[in-house]
């Protein structure tokens, strides 16, 4: 008989988180498929939907094989396919780019922490799918002339080592320009915050709960302040992050998404924001940048905690599989 190896905590986490994110994204883009007018964007959204449905079915098969119920995640009750468009076509394209890039990162990490072959095979298939989708979205944005390229800096004509501790100067004295890696992080953080701010504007005008609306508006103001700070660092070296102005919200007040789905999207954005700010902190070799990222990680963590509390209060947060509480059993 073939030995059945139990799932590890890492593998359970991969399956559980994948199901949550796949169902959340699937029903989000089902709305976009209905309202997007640009045929090129619609075609890629349809391809993403088909891919996501395949992933969800494979996840259900694995849960069934383990004799474990699949998570609830999100379903047809979380989307109103009759609702008018809330966001521009370009917003949906940039959101899709963000989602497939997260999928790429998630399953690349999953391959490193999975032992069972079927779980590794699943993550490998997902990774291949997300790489292909990332390339397709990027090519489409390039063809339309709306792909946002990072700022350009001169290519060095020689190599050298850092001399002296002035390299770290940030708060006082003459600051050196941000280096290429720091510049890339600033640029990416500007892009993500503009997308996040756009989503929160739309969510704020369509959410049914007044308490959730205020929470979304607070997040929108956080993004605005962060954008000012990021752009200030870029202006130090007379660079800017040119973002297409087509990331817009319509005047619709009819919600295409349930409050639960919008809260789920927000929580996903916040969690990954902390990850991305951590990456930025790790390459911050200027004291002011180091302090800046430390501060916004702390502030974002507080907002994440408030979001989780609100989701629990409203009954939106599904309980993730946990280790055994032996004290409670005793």
C-alpha atoms as a PDB file:
ATOM      1  CA  UNK A   1       0.000   0.000   0.000  1.00  0.00           C
ATOM      2  CA  UNK A   2       1.127   3.523  -0.734  1.00  0.00           C
ATOM      3  CA  UNK A   3       2.027   5.384   2.443  1.00  0.00           C
ATOM      4  CA  UNK A   4      -0.119   8.471   3.091  1.00  0.00           C
ATOM      5  CA  UNK A   5       2.051  11.238   4.499  1.00  0.00           C
ATOM      6  CA  UNK A   6       0.112  13.755   6.614  1.00  0.00           C
ATOM      7  CA  UNK A   7       0.198  17.405   5.606  1.00  0.00           C
ATOM      8  CA  UNK A   8       2.595  19.631   7.515  1.00  0.00           C
ATOM      9  CA  UNK A   9       1.497  22.974   8.998  1.00  0.00           C
ATOM     10  CA  UNK A  10       3.248  24.713   6.091  1.00  0.00           C
ATOM     11  CA  UNK A  11       1.365  22.676   3.503  1.00  0.00           C
ATOM     12  CA  UNK A  12      -1.980  23.209   5.270  1.00  0.00           C
ATOM     13  CA  UNK A  13      -1.244  26.941   5.292  1.00  0.00           C
ATOM     14  CA  UNK A  14      -0.449  26.940   1.566  1.00  0.00           C
ATOM     15  CA  UNK A  15      -3.693  25.148   0.703  1.00  0.00           C
ATOM     16  CA  UNK A  16      -5.831  27.261   3.037  1.00  0.00           C
ATOM     17  CA  UNK A  17      -4.381  30.625   2.010  1.00  0.00           C
ATOM     18  CA  UNK A  18      -4.474  29.651  -1.692  1.00  0.00           C
ATOM     19  CA  UNK A  19      -8.169  28.777  -1.469  1.00  0.00           C
ATOM     20  CA  UNK A  20      -8.991  32.068   0.246  1.00  0.00           C
ATOM     21  CA  UNK A  21      -7.015  34.174  -2.248  1.00  0.00           C
ATOM     22  CA  UNK A  22      -8.162  32.246  -5.337  1.00  0.00           C
ATOM     23  CA  UNK A  23     -11.872  32.531  -4.456  1.00  0.00           C
ATOM     24  CA  UNK A  24     -11.493  36.191  -3.456  1.00  0.00           C
ATOM     25  CA  UNK A  25      -9.789  37.095  -6.743  1.00  0.00           C
ATOM     26  CA  UNK A  26     -12.096  34.919  -8.856  1.00  0.00           C
ATOM     27  CA  UNK A  27     -15.291  36.673  -7.759  1.00  0.00           C
ATOM     28  CA  UNK A  28     -13.626  40.084  -7.898  1.00  0.00           C
ATOM     29  CA  UNK A  29     -12.671  39.601 -11.542  1.00  0.00           C
ATOM     30  CA  UNK A  30     -16.025  38.068 -12.436  1.00  0.00           C
ATOM     31  CA  UNK A  31     -17.406  41.575 -11.925  1.00  0.00           C
ATOM     32  CA  UNK A  32     -14.633  43.130 -14.015  1.00  0.00           C
ATOM     33  CA  UNK A  33     -15.272  40.635 -16.818  1.00  0.00           C
ATOM     34  CA  UNK A  34     -18.864  41.912 -17.036  1.00  0.00           C
ATOM     35  CA  UNK A  35     -18.055  45.634 -17.113  1.00  0.00           C
ATOM     36  CA  UNK A  36     -14.645  46.001 -18.799  1.00  0.00           C
ATOM     37  CA  UNK A  37     -14.959  47.481 -22.301  1.00  0.00           C
ATOM     38  CA  UNK A  38     -11.373  47.096 -23.539  1.00  0.00           C
ATOM     39  CA  UNK A  39     -11.269  43.730 -25.352  1.00  0.00           C
ATOM     40  CA  UNK A  40      -7.560  43.116 -24.686  1.00  0.00           C
ATOM     41  CA  UNK A  41      -8.029  43.574 -20.935  1.00  0.00           C
ATOM     42  CA  UNK A  42     -11.228  41.493 -20.986  1.00  0.00           C
ATOM     43  CA  UNK A  43      -9.444  38.603 -22.738  1.00  0.00           C
ATOM     44  CA  UNK A  44      -6.718  38.435 -20.082  1.00  0.00           C
ATOM     45  CA  UNK A  45      -9.306  38.679 -17.288  1.00  0.00           C
ATOM     46  CA  UNK A  46     -11.189  35.749 -18.845  1.00  0.00           C
ATOM     47  CA  UNK A  47      -7.958  33.765 -19.036  1.00  0.00           C
ATOM     48  CA  UNK A  48      -7.279  34.570 -15.372  1.00  0.00           C
ATOM     49  CA  UNK A  49     -10.802  33.464 -14.372  1.00  0.00           C
ATOM     50  CA  UNK A  50     -10.381  30.137 -16.191  1.00  0.00           C
ATOM     51  CA  UNK A  51      -6.997  29.596 -14.560  1.00  0.00           C
ATOM     52  CA  UNK A  52      -8.338  30.435 -11.107  1.00  0.00           C
ATOM     53  CA  UNK A  53     -11.275  28.023 -11.511  1.00  0.00           C
ATOM     54  CA  UNK A  54      -8.838  25.222 -12.359  1.00  0.00           C
ATOM     55  CA  UNK A  55      -6.750  26.037  -9.257  1.00  0.00           C
ATOM     56  CA  UNK A  56      -9.850  26.008  -7.033  1.00  0.00           C
ATOM     57  CA  UNK A  57     -10.975  22.606  -8.345  1.00  0.00           C
ATOM     58  CA  UNK A  58      -7.512  21.148  -7.698  1.00  0.00           C
ATOM     59  CA  UNK A  59      -7.569  22.567  -4.170  1.00  0.00           C
ATOM     60  CA  UNK A  60     -10.978  20.985  -3.545  1.00  0.00           C
ATOM     61  CA  UNK A  61      -9.619  17.630  -4.747  1.00  0.00           C
ATOM     62  CA  UNK A  62      -6.707  17.831  -2.299  1.00  0.00           C
ATOM     63  CA  UNK A  63      -9.012  18.749   0.620  1.00  0.00           C
ATOM     64  CA  UNK A  64     -11.333  15.865  -0.314  1.00  0.00           C
ATOM     65  CA  UNK A  65      -8.397  13.447  -0.444  1.00  0.00           C
ATOM     66  CA  UNK A  66      -7.409  14.590   3.045  1.00  0.00           C
ATOM     67  CA  UNK A  67     -11.043  14.153   4.199  1.00  0.00           C
ATOM     68  CA  UNK A  68     -11.025  17.790   5.258  1.00  0.00           C
ATOM     69  CA  UNK A  69     -13.663  20.375   4.348  1.00  0.00           C
ATOM     70  CA  UNK A  70     -12.505  23.113   2.003  1.00  0.00           C
ATOM     71  CA  UNK A  71     -12.570  26.606   3.493  1.00  0.00           C
ATOM     72  CA  UNK A  72     -15.661  28.720   2.863  1.00  0.00           C
ATOM     73  CA  UNK A  73     -13.656  31.501   1.257  1.00  0.00           C
ATOM     74  CA  UNK A  74     -15.786  33.627  -1.068  1.00  0.00           C
ATOM     75  CA  UNK A  75     -18.641  32.671  -3.388  1.00  0.00           C
ATOM     76  CA  UNK A  76     -21.321  33.991  -5.745  1.00  0.00           C
ATOM     77  CA  UNK A  77     -23.035  35.786  -2.856  1.00  0.00           C
ATOM     78  CA  UNK A  78     -20.020  38.106  -2.570  1.00  0.00           C
ATOM     79  CA  UNK A  79     -20.389  39.642  -6.030  1.00  0.00           C
ATOM     80  CA  UNK A  80     -23.254  41.441  -7.784  1.00  0.00           C
ATOM     81  CA  UNK A  81     -22.798  40.803 -11.496  1.00  0.00           C
ATOM     82  CA  UNK A  82     -25.578  43.279 -12.315  1.00  0.00           C
ATOM     83  CA  UNK A  83     -23.780  46.198 -10.631  1.00  0.00           C
ATOM     84  CA  UNK A  84     -22.429  48.915 -12.946  1.00  0.00           C
ATOM     85  CA  UNK A  85     -18.709  49.547 -13.310  1.00  0.00           C
ATOM     86  CA  UNK A  86     -17.045  51.036 -10.259  1.00  0.00           C
ATOM     87  CA  UNK A  87     -13.462  51.233 -11.545  1.00  0.00           C
ATOM     88  CA  UNK A  88     -11.871  52.085 -14.891  1.00  0.00           C
ATOM     89  CA  UNK A  89     -10.582  49.385 -17.236  1.00  0.00           C
ATOM     90  CA  UNK A  90      -7.009  50.473 -16.514  1.00  0.00           C
ATOM     91  CA  UNK A  91      -7.596  50.048 -12.770  1.00  0.00           C
ATOM     92  CA  UNK A  92      -8.740  46.461 -13.374  1.00  0.00           C
ATOM     93  CA  UNK A  93      -5.610  45.800 -15.480  1.00  0.00           C
ATOM     94  CA  UNK A  94      -3.255  47.111 -12.784  1.00  0.00           C
ATOM     95  CA  UNK A  95      -5.171  45.169 -10.104  1.00  0.00           C
ATOM     96  CA  UNK A  96      -4.802  42.003 -12.175  1.00  0.00           C
ATOM     97  CA  UNK A  97      -1.077  42.656 -12.533  1.00  0.00           C
ATOM     98  CA  UNK A  98      -0.829  43.039  -8.743  1.00  0.00           C
ATOM     99  CA  UNK A  99      -2.823  39.831  -8.096  1.00  0.00           C
ATOM    100  CA  UNK A 100      -0.851  37.605 -10.481  1.00  0.00           C
ATOM    101  CA  UNK A 101       2.430  38.946  -9.099  1.00  0.00           C
ATOM    102  CA  UNK A 102       1.259  38.023  -5.590  1.00  0.00           C
ATOM    103  CA  UNK A 103       0.351  34.553  -6.870  1.00  0.00           C
ATOM    104  CA  UNK A 104       3.842  34.189  -8.309  1.00  0.00           C
ATOM    105  CA  UNK A 105       5.422  35.169  -4.992  1.00  0.00           C
ATOM    106  CA  UNK A 106       3.107  32.958  -2.920  1.00  0.00           C
ATOM    107  CA  UNK A 107       3.779  29.762  -4.863  1.00  0.00           C
ATOM    108  CA  UNK A 108       7.513  30.409  -5.221  1.00  0.00           C
ATOM    109  CA  UNK A 109       7.640  30.546  -1.407  1.00  0.00           C
ATOM    110  CA  UNK A 110       5.384  27.484  -1.171  1.00  0.00           C
ATOM    111  CA  UNK A 111       7.834  25.399  -3.196  1.00  0.00           C
ATOM    112  CA  UNK A 112      10.541  26.143  -0.632  1.00  0.00           C
ATOM    113  CA  UNK A 113       8.495  24.968   2.351  1.00  0.00           C
ATOM    114  CA  UNK A 114       6.562  21.977   0.951  1.00  0.00           C
ATOM    115  CA  UNK A 115       7.715  18.377   1.256  1.00  0.00           C
ATOM    116  CA  UNK A 116       4.836  16.387  -0.195  1.00  0.00           C
ATOM    117  CA  UNK A 117       5.105  15.888  -3.951  1.00  0.00           C
ATOM    118  CA  UNK A 118       1.432  16.581  -4.730  1.00  0.00           C
ATOM    119  CA  UNK A 119       1.583  19.937  -2.942  1.00  0.00           C
ATOM    120  CA  UNK A 120       4.818  20.852  -4.712  1.00  0.00           C
ATOM    121  CA  UNK A 121       3.289  19.802  -8.036  1.00  0.00           C
ATOM    122  CA  UNK A 122       0.264  22.018  -7.361  1.00  0.00           C
ATOM    123  CA  UNK A 123       2.411  25.033  -6.452  1.00  0.00           C
ATOM    124  CA  UNK A 124       4.651  24.436  -9.445  1.00  0.00           C
ATOM    125  CA  UNK A 125       1.641  24.418 -11.798  1.00  0.00           C
ATOM    126  CA  UNK A 126       0.272  27.585 -10.188  1.00  0.00           C
ATOM    127  CA  UNK A 127       3.671  29.280 -10.446  1.00  0.00           C
ATOM    128  CA  UNK A 128       3.908  28.470 -14.171  1.00  0.00           C
ATOM    129  CA  UNK A 129       0.378  29.828 -14.684  1.00  0.00           C
ATOM    130  CA  UNK A 130       1.110  33.050 -12.798  1.00  0.00           C
ATOM    131  CA  UNK A 131       4.412  33.630 -14.622  1.00  0.00           C
ATOM    132  CA  UNK A 132       2.587  33.305 -17.956  1.00  0.00           C
ATOM    133  CA  UNK A 133      -0.190  35.668 -16.814  1.00  0.00           C
ATOM    134  CA  UNK A 134       2.328  38.204 -15.489  1.00  0.00           C
ATOM    135  CA  UNK A 135       4.075  38.266 -18.861  1.00  0.00           C
ATOM    136  CA  UNK A 136       0.768  38.590 -20.720  1.00  0.00           C
ATOM    137  CA  UNK A 137      -0.439  41.483 -18.561  1.00  0.00           C
ATOM    138  CA  UNK A 138       2.939  43.239 -18.859  1.00  0.00           C
ATOM    139  CA  UNK A 139       3.031  42.829 -22.649  1.00  0.00           C
ATOM    140  CA  UNK A 140      -0.523  44.126 -22.948  1.00  0.00           C
ATOM    141  CA  UNK A 141       0.250  47.207 -20.821  1.00  0.00           C
ATOM    142  CA  UNK A 142       3.401  47.855 -22.873  1.00  0.00           C
ATOM    143  CA  UNK A 143       1.481  47.587 -26.155  1.00  0.00           C
ATOM    144  CA  UNK A 144      -1.096  50.071 -24.887  1.00  0.00           C
ATOM    145  CA  UNK A 145       1.632  52.439 -23.722  1.00  0.00           C
ATOM    146  CA  UNK A 146       0.417  52.419 -20.108  1.00  0.00           C
ATOM    147  CA  UNK A 147       3.067  50.222 -18.499  1.00  0.00           C
ATOM    148  CA  UNK A 148       4.756  52.372 -15.881  1.00  0.00           C
ATOM    149  CA  UNK A 149       8.539  52.099 -16.107  1.00  0.00           C
ATOM    150  CA  UNK A 150      10.673  52.829 -13.033  1.00  0.00           C
ATOM    151  CA  UNK A 151      12.758  56.037 -13.109  1.00  0.00           C
ATOM    152  CA  UNK A 152      15.971  55.885 -15.130  1.00  0.00           C
ATOM    153  CA  UNK A 153      19.425  56.499 -13.656  1.00  0.00           C
ATOM    154  CA  UNK A 154      22.852  56.535 -15.384  1.00  0.00           C
ATOM    155  CA  UNK A 155      24.545  53.192 -16.023  1.00  0.00           C
ATOM    156  CA  UNK A 156      27.932  53.242 -14.187  1.00  0.00           C
ATOM    157  CA  UNK A 157      31.083  53.191 -16.323  1.00  0.00           C
ATOM    158  CA  UNK A 158      33.264  51.874 -13.469  1.00  0.00           C
ATOM    159  CA  UNK A 159      33.000  50.020 -10.142  1.00  0.00           C
ATOM    160  CA  UNK A 160      34.015  51.261  -6.701  1.00  0.00           C
ATOM    161  CA  UNK A 161      33.665  50.535  -2.975  1.00  0.00           C
ATOM    162  CA  UNK A 162      31.990  52.771  -0.396  1.00  0.00           C
ATOM    163  CA  UNK A 163      34.423  54.971   1.522  1.00  0.00           C
ATOM    164  CA  UNK A 164      33.495  56.371   4.965  1.00  0.00           C
ATOM    165  CA  UNK A 165      30.335  56.220   7.088  1.00  0.00           C
ATOM    166  CA  UNK A 166      28.803  59.242   5.341  1.00  0.00           C
ATOM    167  CA  UNK A 167      27.147  56.653   3.100  1.00  0.00           C
ATOM    168  CA  UNK A 168      24.574  56.113   5.870  1.00  0.00           C
ATOM    169  CA  UNK A 169      23.824  59.825   6.404  1.00  0.00           C
ATOM    170  CA  UNK A 170      20.134  60.593   6.214  1.00  0.00           C
ATOM    171  CA  UNK A 171      18.821  62.978   8.854  1.00  0.00           C
ATOM    172  CA  UNK A 172      21.752  65.402   9.109  1.00  0.00           C
ATOM    173  CA  UNK A 173      24.509  66.521   6.773  1.00  0.00           C
ATOM    174  CA  UNK A 174      24.710  65.956   3.042  1.00  0.00           C
ATOM    175  CA  UNK A 175      22.636  62.959   1.999  1.00  0.00           C
ATOM    176  CA  UNK A 176      23.821  60.781  -0.836  1.00  0.00           C
ATOM    177  CA  UNK A 177      21.242  60.005  -3.549  1.00  0.00           C
ATOM    178  CA  UNK A 178      19.151  56.865  -3.119  1.00  0.00           C
ATOM    179  CA  UNK A 179      20.751  53.898  -4.870  1.00  0.00           C
ATOM    180  CA  UNK A 180      19.086  51.763  -7.565  1.00  0.00           C
ATOM    181  CA  UNK A 181      17.539  49.175  -5.215  1.00  0.00           C
ATOM    182  CA  UNK A 182      16.119  51.833  -2.885  1.00  0.00           C
ATOM    183  CA  UNK A 183      14.798  53.768  -5.868  1.00  0.00           C
ATOM    184  CA  UNK A 184      13.064  50.652  -7.177  1.00  0.00           C
ATOM    185  CA  UNK A 185      11.429  50.049  -3.784  1.00  0.00           C
ATOM    186  CA  UNK A 186      10.201  53.657  -3.583  1.00  0.00           C
ATOM    187  CA  UNK A 187       8.764  53.406  -7.085  1.00  0.00           C
ATOM    188  CA  UNK A 188       6.969  50.101  -6.402  1.00  0.00           C
ATOM    189  CA  UNK A 189       5.562  51.438  -3.131  1.00  0.00           C
ATOM    190  CA  UNK A 190       4.174  54.476  -4.962  1.00  0.00           C
ATOM    191  CA  UNK A 191       2.461  52.204  -7.512  1.00  0.00           C
ATOM    192  CA  UNK A 192       0.956  49.937  -4.864  1.00  0.00           C
ATOM    193  CA  UNK A 193      -0.308  52.831  -2.755  1.00  0.00           C
ATOM    194  CA  UNK A 194      -1.976  54.528  -5.721  1.00  0.00           C
ATOM    195  CA  UNK A 195      -3.751  51.280  -6.572  1.00  0.00           C
ATOM    196  CA  UNK A 196      -4.717  50.750  -2.919  1.00  0.00           C
ATOM    197  CA  UNK A 197      -5.983  54.326  -2.579  1.00  0.00           C
ATOM    198  CA  UNK A 198      -8.072  53.949  -5.766  1.00  0.00           C
ATOM    199  CA  UNK A 199      -9.676  50.743  -4.481  1.00  0.00           C
ATOM    200  CA  UNK A 200     -10.466  52.321  -1.105  1.00  0.00           C
ATOM    201  CA  UNK A 201     -12.141  55.307  -2.778  1.00  0.00           C
ATOM    202  CA  UNK A 202     -14.446  52.920  -4.663  1.00  0.00           C
ATOM    203  CA  UNK A 203     -15.057  50.735  -1.631  1.00  0.00           C
ATOM    204  CA  UNK A 204     -15.865  53.764   0.545  1.00  0.00           C
ATOM    205  CA  UNK A 205     -18.672  54.918  -1.741  1.00  0.00           C
ATOM    206  CA  UNK A 206     -20.325  51.492  -2.117  1.00  0.00           C
ATOM    207  CA  UNK A 207     -19.925  49.737   1.272  1.00  0.00           C
ATOM    208  CA  UNK A 208     -23.143  49.289   3.271  1.00  0.00           C
ATOM    209  CA  UNK A 209     -21.677  49.450   6.802  1.00  0.00           C
ATOM    210  CA  UNK A 210     -20.935  52.969   8.063  1.00  0.00           C
ATOM    211  CA  UNK A 211     -18.283  51.598  10.425  1.00  0.00           C
ATOM    212  CA  UNK A 212     -16.489  49.857   7.549  1.00  0.00           C
ATOM    213  CA  UNK A 213     -16.812  53.012   5.423  1.00  0.00           C
ATOM    214  CA  UNK A 214     -14.962  55.053   8.048  1.00  0.00           C
ATOM    215  CA  UNK A 215     -12.307  52.348   8.248  1.00  0.00           C
ATOM    216  CA  UNK A 216     -11.821  52.464   4.466  1.00  0.00           C
ATOM    217  CA  UNK A 217     -11.620  56.262   4.514  1.00  0.00           C
ATOM    218  CA  UNK A 218      -8.947  56.132   7.213  1.00  0.00           C
ATOM    219  CA  UNK A 219      -6.930  53.759   5.026  1.00  0.00           C
ATOM    220  CA  UNK A 220      -7.351  56.069   2.048  1.00  0.00           C
ATOM    221  CA  UNK A 221      -5.927  58.983   4.058  1.00  0.00           C
ATOM    222  CA  UNK A 222      -3.003  56.781   5.169  1.00  0.00           C
ATOM    223  CA  UNK A 223      -2.202  56.050   1.524  1.00  0.00           C
ATOM    224  CA  UNK A 224      -2.335  59.740   0.621  1.00  0.00           C
ATOM    225  CA  UNK A 225       0.166  60.644   3.358  1.00  0.00           C
ATOM    226  CA  UNK A 226       2.474  57.793   2.364  1.00  0.00           C
ATOM    227  CA  UNK A 227       2.382  58.874  -1.273  1.00  0.00           C
ATOM    228  CA  UNK A 228       3.463  62.374  -0.251  1.00  0.00           C
ATOM    229  CA  UNK A 229       6.397  60.881   1.691  1.00  0.00           C
ATOM    230  CA  UNK A 230       7.481  58.526  -1.099  1.00  0.00           C
ATOM    231  CA  UNK A 231       7.350  61.307  -3.657  1.00  0.00           C
ATOM    232  CA  UNK A 232       9.383  63.564  -1.350  1.00  0.00           C
ATOM    233  CA  UNK A 233      12.239  61.021  -1.342  1.00  0.00           C
ATOM    234  CA  UNK A 234      12.058  60.811  -5.134  1.00  0.00           C
ATOM    235  CA  UNK A 235      12.049  64.603  -5.510  1.00  0.00           C
ATOM    236  CA  UNK A 236      15.367  64.704  -3.618  1.00  0.00           C
ATOM    237  CA  UNK A 237      16.992  63.337  -6.759  1.00  0.00           C
ATOM    238  CA  UNK A 238      14.654  65.224  -9.094  1.00  0.00           C
ATOM    239  CA  UNK A 239      12.775  62.072 -10.113  1.00  0.00           C
ATOM    240  CA  UNK A 240       9.093  61.256 -10.006  1.00  0.00           C
ATOM    241  CA  UNK A 241       6.958  58.161 -10.295  1.00  0.00           C
ATOM    242  CA  UNK A 242       4.757  58.839 -13.296  1.00  0.00           C
ATOM    243  CA  UNK A 243       1.527  56.894 -12.819  1.00  0.00           C
ATOM    244  CA  UNK A 244      -1.217  56.756 -15.477  1.00  0.00           C
ATOM    245  CA  UNK A 245      -4.143  58.975 -14.532  1.00  0.00           C
ATOM    246  CA  UNK A 246      -6.600  56.348 -15.799  1.00  0.00           C
ATOM    247  CA  UNK A 247      -6.642  54.675 -12.371  1.00  0.00           C
ATOM    248  CA  UNK A 248     -10.044  56.167 -11.622  1.00  0.00           C
ATOM    249  CA  UNK A 249     -13.343  55.475  -9.876  1.00  0.00           C
ATOM    250  CA  UNK A 250     -16.808  56.115 -11.365  1.00  0.00           C
ATOM    251  CA  UNK A 251     -19.659  57.868  -9.545  1.00  0.00           C
ATOM    252  CA  UNK A 252     -21.538  54.595  -8.961  1.00  0.00           C
ATOM    253  CA  UNK A 253     -22.775  53.922  -5.414  1.00  0.00           C
ATOM    254  CA  UNK A 254     -24.111  50.428  -6.151  1.00  0.00           C
ATOM    255  CA  UNK A 255     -21.778  47.841  -4.670  1.00  0.00           C
ATOM    256  CA  UNK A 256     -20.416  45.138  -6.997  1.00  0.00           C
ATOM    257  CA  UNK A 257     -18.780  43.421  -4.015  1.00  0.00           C
ATOM    258  CA  UNK A 258     -20.009  42.392  -0.581  1.00  0.00           C
ATOM    259  CA  UNK A 259     -18.664  44.168   2.491  1.00  0.00           C
ATOM    260  CA  UNK A 260     -16.961  40.880   3.395  1.00  0.00           C
ATOM    261  CA  UNK A 261     -15.153  40.677   0.046  1.00  0.00           C
ATOM    262  CA  UNK A 262     -14.032  44.309   0.217  1.00  0.00           C
ATOM    263  CA  UNK A 263     -12.712  43.749   3.747  1.00  0.00           C
ATOM    264  CA  UNK A 264     -10.882  40.641   2.506  1.00  0.00           C
ATOM    265  CA  UNK A 265      -9.239  42.599  -0.307  1.00  0.00           C
ATOM    266  CA  UNK A 266      -8.194  45.327   2.134  1.00  0.00           C
ATOM    267  CA  UNK A 267      -6.704  42.819   4.571  1.00  0.00           C
ATOM    268  CA  UNK A 268      -4.735  41.165   1.747  1.00  0.00           C
ATOM    269  CA  UNK A 269      -3.377  44.547   0.618  1.00  0.00           C
ATOM    270  CA  UNK A 270      -2.359  45.484   4.172  1.00  0.00           C
ATOM    271  CA  UNK A 271      -0.642  42.163   4.870  1.00  0.00           C
ATOM    272  CA  UNK A 272       1.403  42.352   1.702  1.00  0.00           C
ATOM    273  CA  UNK A 273       2.161  46.029   2.303  1.00  0.00           C
ATOM    274  CA  UNK A 274       3.898  45.029   5.548  1.00  0.00           C
ATOM    275  CA  UNK A 275       5.891  42.395   3.613  1.00  0.00           C
ATOM    276  CA  UNK A 276       6.895  44.907   0.933  1.00  0.00           C
ATOM    277  CA  UNK A 277       7.818  47.611   3.445  1.00  0.00           C
ATOM    278  CA  UNK A 278       9.945  44.998   5.220  1.00  0.00           C
ATOM    279  CA  UNK A 279      11.789  44.326   1.961  1.00  0.00           C
ATOM    280  CA  UNK A 280      12.311  48.068   1.537  1.00  0.00           C
ATOM    281  CA  UNK A 281      13.606  48.341   5.106  1.00  0.00           C
ATOM    282  CA  UNK A 282      16.091  45.531   4.493  1.00  0.00           C
ATOM    283  CA  UNK A 283      17.820  47.455   1.691  1.00  0.00           C
ATOM    284  CA  UNK A 284      17.672  50.862   3.401  1.00  0.00           C
ATOM    285  CA  UNK A 285      21.295  51.902   3.878  1.00  0.00           C
ATOM    286  CA  UNK A 286      20.343  55.498   4.614  1.00  0.00           C
ATOM    287  CA  UNK A 287      19.298  56.274   8.174  1.00  0.00           C
ATOM    288  CA  UNK A 288      16.310  58.419   7.233  1.00  0.00           C
ATOM    289  CA  UNK A 289      14.894  55.673   4.972  1.00  0.00           C
ATOM    290  CA  UNK A 290      15.513  53.069   7.658  1.00  0.00           C
ATOM    291  CA  UNK A 291      13.605  55.156  10.202  1.00  0.00           C
ATOM    292  CA  UNK A 292      10.855  55.966   7.702  1.00  0.00           C
ATOM    293  CA  UNK A 293      10.149  52.329   6.809  1.00  0.00           C
ATOM    294  CA  UNK A 294      10.313  51.252  10.458  1.00  0.00           C
ATOM    295  CA  UNK A 295       7.670  53.863  11.268  1.00  0.00           C
ATOM    296  CA  UNK A 296       5.271  52.975   8.456  1.00  0.00           C
ATOM    297  CA  UNK A 297       5.572  49.234   9.182  1.00  0.00           C
ATOM    298  CA  UNK A 298       4.474  49.991  12.743  1.00  0.00           C
ATOM    299  CA  UNK A 299       1.591  52.214  11.563  1.00  0.00           C
ATOM    300  CA  UNK A 300       0.460  49.676   8.954  1.00  0.00           C
ATOM    301  CA  UNK A 301       0.556  46.887  11.552  1.00  0.00           C
ATOM    302  CA  UNK A 302      -1.767  48.926  13.781  1.00  0.00           C
ATOM    303  CA  UNK A 303      -4.178  49.399  10.858  1.00  0.00           C
ATOM    304  CA  UNK A 304      -3.962  45.663  10.105  1.00  0.00           C
ATOM    305  CA  UNK A 305      -4.866  44.889  13.716  1.00  0.00           C
ATOM    306  CA  UNK A 306      -7.846  47.277  13.527  1.00  0.00           C
ATOM    307  CA  UNK A 307      -8.963  45.639  10.255  1.00  0.00           C
ATOM    308  CA  UNK A 308      -8.811  42.143  11.765  1.00  0.00           C
ATOM    309  CA  UNK A 309     -10.757  43.293  14.843  1.00  0.00           C
ATOM    310  CA  UNK A 310     -13.458  44.787  12.635  1.00  0.00           C
ATOM    311  CA  UNK A 311     -13.617  41.666  10.448  1.00  0.00           C
ATOM    312  CA  UNK A 312     -14.037  39.494  13.566  1.00  0.00           C
ATOM    313  CA  UNK A 313     -16.716  41.821  14.948  1.00  0.00           C
ATOM    314  CA  UNK A 314     -18.700  41.587  11.697  1.00  0.00           C
ATOM    315  CA  UNK A 315     -18.228  37.809  11.381  1.00  0.00           C
ATOM    316  CA  UNK A 316     -16.147  38.049   8.204  1.00  0.00           C
ATOM    317  CA  UNK A 317     -12.901  36.393   9.346  1.00  0.00           C
ATOM    318  CA  UNK A 318     -12.756  32.662   8.724  1.00  0.00           C
ATOM    319  CA  UNK A 319     -10.712  30.758  11.310  1.00  0.00           C
ATOM    320  CA  UNK A 320      -7.479  29.323   9.945  1.00  0.00           C
ATOM    321  CA  UNK A 321      -6.394  25.787  11.020  1.00  0.00           C
ATOM    322  CA  UNK A 322      -4.550  25.965  14.348  1.00  0.00           C
ATOM    323  CA  UNK A 323      -2.193  23.888  16.475  1.00  0.00           C
ATOM    324  CA  UNK A 324      -3.746  21.899  19.340  1.00  0.00           C
ATOM    325  CA  UNK A 325      -4.365  23.879  22.531  1.00  0.00           C
ATOM    326  CA  UNK A 326      -3.381  21.257  25.102  1.00  0.00           C
ATOM    327  CA  UNK A 327      -4.165  23.570  28.041  1.00  0.00           C
ATOM    328  CA  UNK A 328      -7.756  23.899  26.833  1.00  0.00           C
ATOM    329  CA  UNK A 329      -8.042  20.131  26.334  1.00  0.00           C
ATOM    330  CA  UNK A 330      -6.767  19.543  29.847  1.00  0.00           C
END
